[in-house]
Amino acid sequence: MSPHSTYETLRQLADSWGLAATFVLFLGLIAWPFRPGARKENDAAANMIFKDEENGE
C-alpha cells in the first residue's frame, strides 16, 4: 500500500465517520442541559450570582 492510498483512505474515513461522530457529539452536548435530572443543577447555576457572599442566602 502506498502512502498516497493510505492518505486517501484516512481522508475518506474522516470525511464520513468523522463527520457523523462530530454530529452525534454535538447533539449530545446540546441535549445535556435538558436531561431530566439536570433541573436542580441548572437552577442552582442560574441563581448563583444572586447569592450573598457572607451567609449564602
C-alpha atoms as a PDB file:
ATOM      1  CA  MET A   1       0.000   0.000   0.000  1.00  0.00           C
ATOM      2  CA  SER A   2       1.476   3.308  -0.992  1.00  0.00           C
ATOM      3  CA  PRO A   3       1.429   6.348   1.344  1.00  0.00           C
ATOM      4  CA  HIS A   4      -0.860   8.142  -1.079  1.00  0.00           C
ATOM      5  CA  SER A   5      -3.542   5.471  -0.822  1.00  0.00           C
ATOM      6  CA  THR A   6      -3.234   5.471   2.984  1.00  0.00           C
ATOM      7  CA  TYR A   7      -3.844   9.206   2.967  1.00  0.00           C
ATOM      8  CA  GLU A   8      -6.878   8.816   0.720  1.00  0.00           C
ATOM      9  CA  THR A   9      -8.300   6.082   2.954  1.00  0.00           C
ATOM     10  CA  LEU A  10      -7.871   8.156   6.107  1.00  0.00           C
ATOM     11  CA  ARG A  11      -9.317  11.201   4.363  1.00  0.00           C
ATOM     12  CA  GLN A  12     -12.442   9.300   3.340  1.00  0.00           C
ATOM     13  CA  LEU A  13     -12.789   7.894   6.847  1.00  0.00           C
ATOM     14  CA  ALA A  14     -12.537  11.364   8.361  1.00  0.00           C
ATOM     15  CA  ASP A  15     -14.989  12.804   5.834  1.00  0.00           C
ATOM     16  CA  SER A  16     -17.671  10.213   6.541  1.00  0.00           C
ATOM     17  CA  TRP A  17     -17.358   8.717  10.024  1.00  0.00           C
ATOM     18  CA  GLY A  18     -15.582  11.725  11.495  1.00  0.00           C
ATOM     19  CA  LEU A  19     -18.446  13.963  10.447  1.00  0.00           C
ATOM     20  CA  ALA A  20     -21.003  11.519  11.834  1.00  0.00           C
ATOM     21  CA  ALA A  21     -19.171  11.227  15.164  1.00  0.00           C
ATOM     22  CA  THR A  22     -18.841  15.008  15.467  1.00  0.00           C
ATOM     23  CA  PHE A  23     -22.545  15.445  14.728  1.00  0.00           C
ATOM     24  CA  VAL A  24     -23.530  12.878  17.381  1.00  0.00           C
ATOM     25  CA  LEU A  25     -21.249  14.600  19.907  1.00  0.00           C
ATOM     26  CA  PHE A  26     -22.820  17.959  19.031  1.00  0.00           C
ATOM     27  CA  LEU A  27     -26.337  16.614  19.568  1.00  0.00           C
ATOM     28  CA  GLY A  28     -25.308  15.065  22.887  1.00  0.00           C
ATOM     29  CA  LEU A  29     -23.814  18.320  24.137  1.00  0.00           C
ATOM     30  CA  ILE A  30     -26.916  20.254  23.090  1.00  0.00           C
ATOM     31  CA  ALA A  31     -29.227  17.761  24.841  1.00  0.00           C
ATOM     32  CA  TRP A  32     -27.146  17.521  28.056  1.00  0.00           C
ATOM     33  CA  PRO A  33     -28.718  20.514  29.905  1.00  0.00           C
ATOM     34  CA  PHE A  34     -32.227  19.296  29.056  1.00  0.00           C
ATOM     35  CA  ARG A  35     -31.922  15.848  30.629  1.00  0.00           C
ATOM     36  CA  PRO A  36     -34.491  15.098  33.378  1.00  0.00           C
ATOM     37  CA  GLY A  37     -32.068  15.144  36.334  1.00  0.00           C
ATOM     38  CA  ALA A  38     -30.397  18.444  35.431  1.00  0.00           C
ATOM     39  CA  ARG A  39     -33.098  20.840  36.644  1.00  0.00           C
ATOM     40  CA  LYS A  40     -31.631  21.222  40.131  1.00  0.00           C
ATOM     41  CA  GLU A  41     -28.108  21.968  38.866  1.00  0.00           C
ATOM     42  CA  ASN A  42     -29.404  24.359  36.202  1.00  0.00           C
ATOM     43  CA  ASP A  43     -31.464  26.316  38.734  1.00  0.00           C
ATOM     44  CA  ALA A  44     -28.512  26.486  41.138  1.00  0.00           C
ATOM     45  CA  ALA A  45     -26.206  27.761  38.384  1.00  0.00           C
ATOM     46  CA  ALA A  46     -28.762  30.336  37.216  1.00  0.00           C
ATOM     47  CA  ASN A  47     -29.270  31.751  40.715  1.00  0.00           C
ATOM     48  CA  MET A  48     -25.647  31.602  41.861  1.00  0.00           C
ATOM     49  CA  ILE A  49     -24.959  35.253  41.034  1.00  0.00           C
ATOM     50  CA  PHE A  50     -27.769  36.383  43.342  1.00  0.00           C
ATOM     51  CA  LYS A  51     -26.432  34.675  46.474  1.00  0.00           C
ATOM     52  CA  ASP A  52     -24.951  36.770  49.244  1.00  0.00           C
ATOM     53  CA  GLU A  53     -21.256  36.043  49.713  1.00  0.00           C
ATOM     54  CA  GLU A  54     -21.386  36.313  53.507  1.00  0.00           C
ATOM     55  CA  ASN A  55     -24.207  33.998  54.535  1.00  0.00           C
ATOM     56  CA  GLY A  56     -25.054  32.132  51.328  1.00  0.00           C
ATOM     57  CA  GLU A  57     -28.648  33.361  51.017  1.00  0.00           C
END
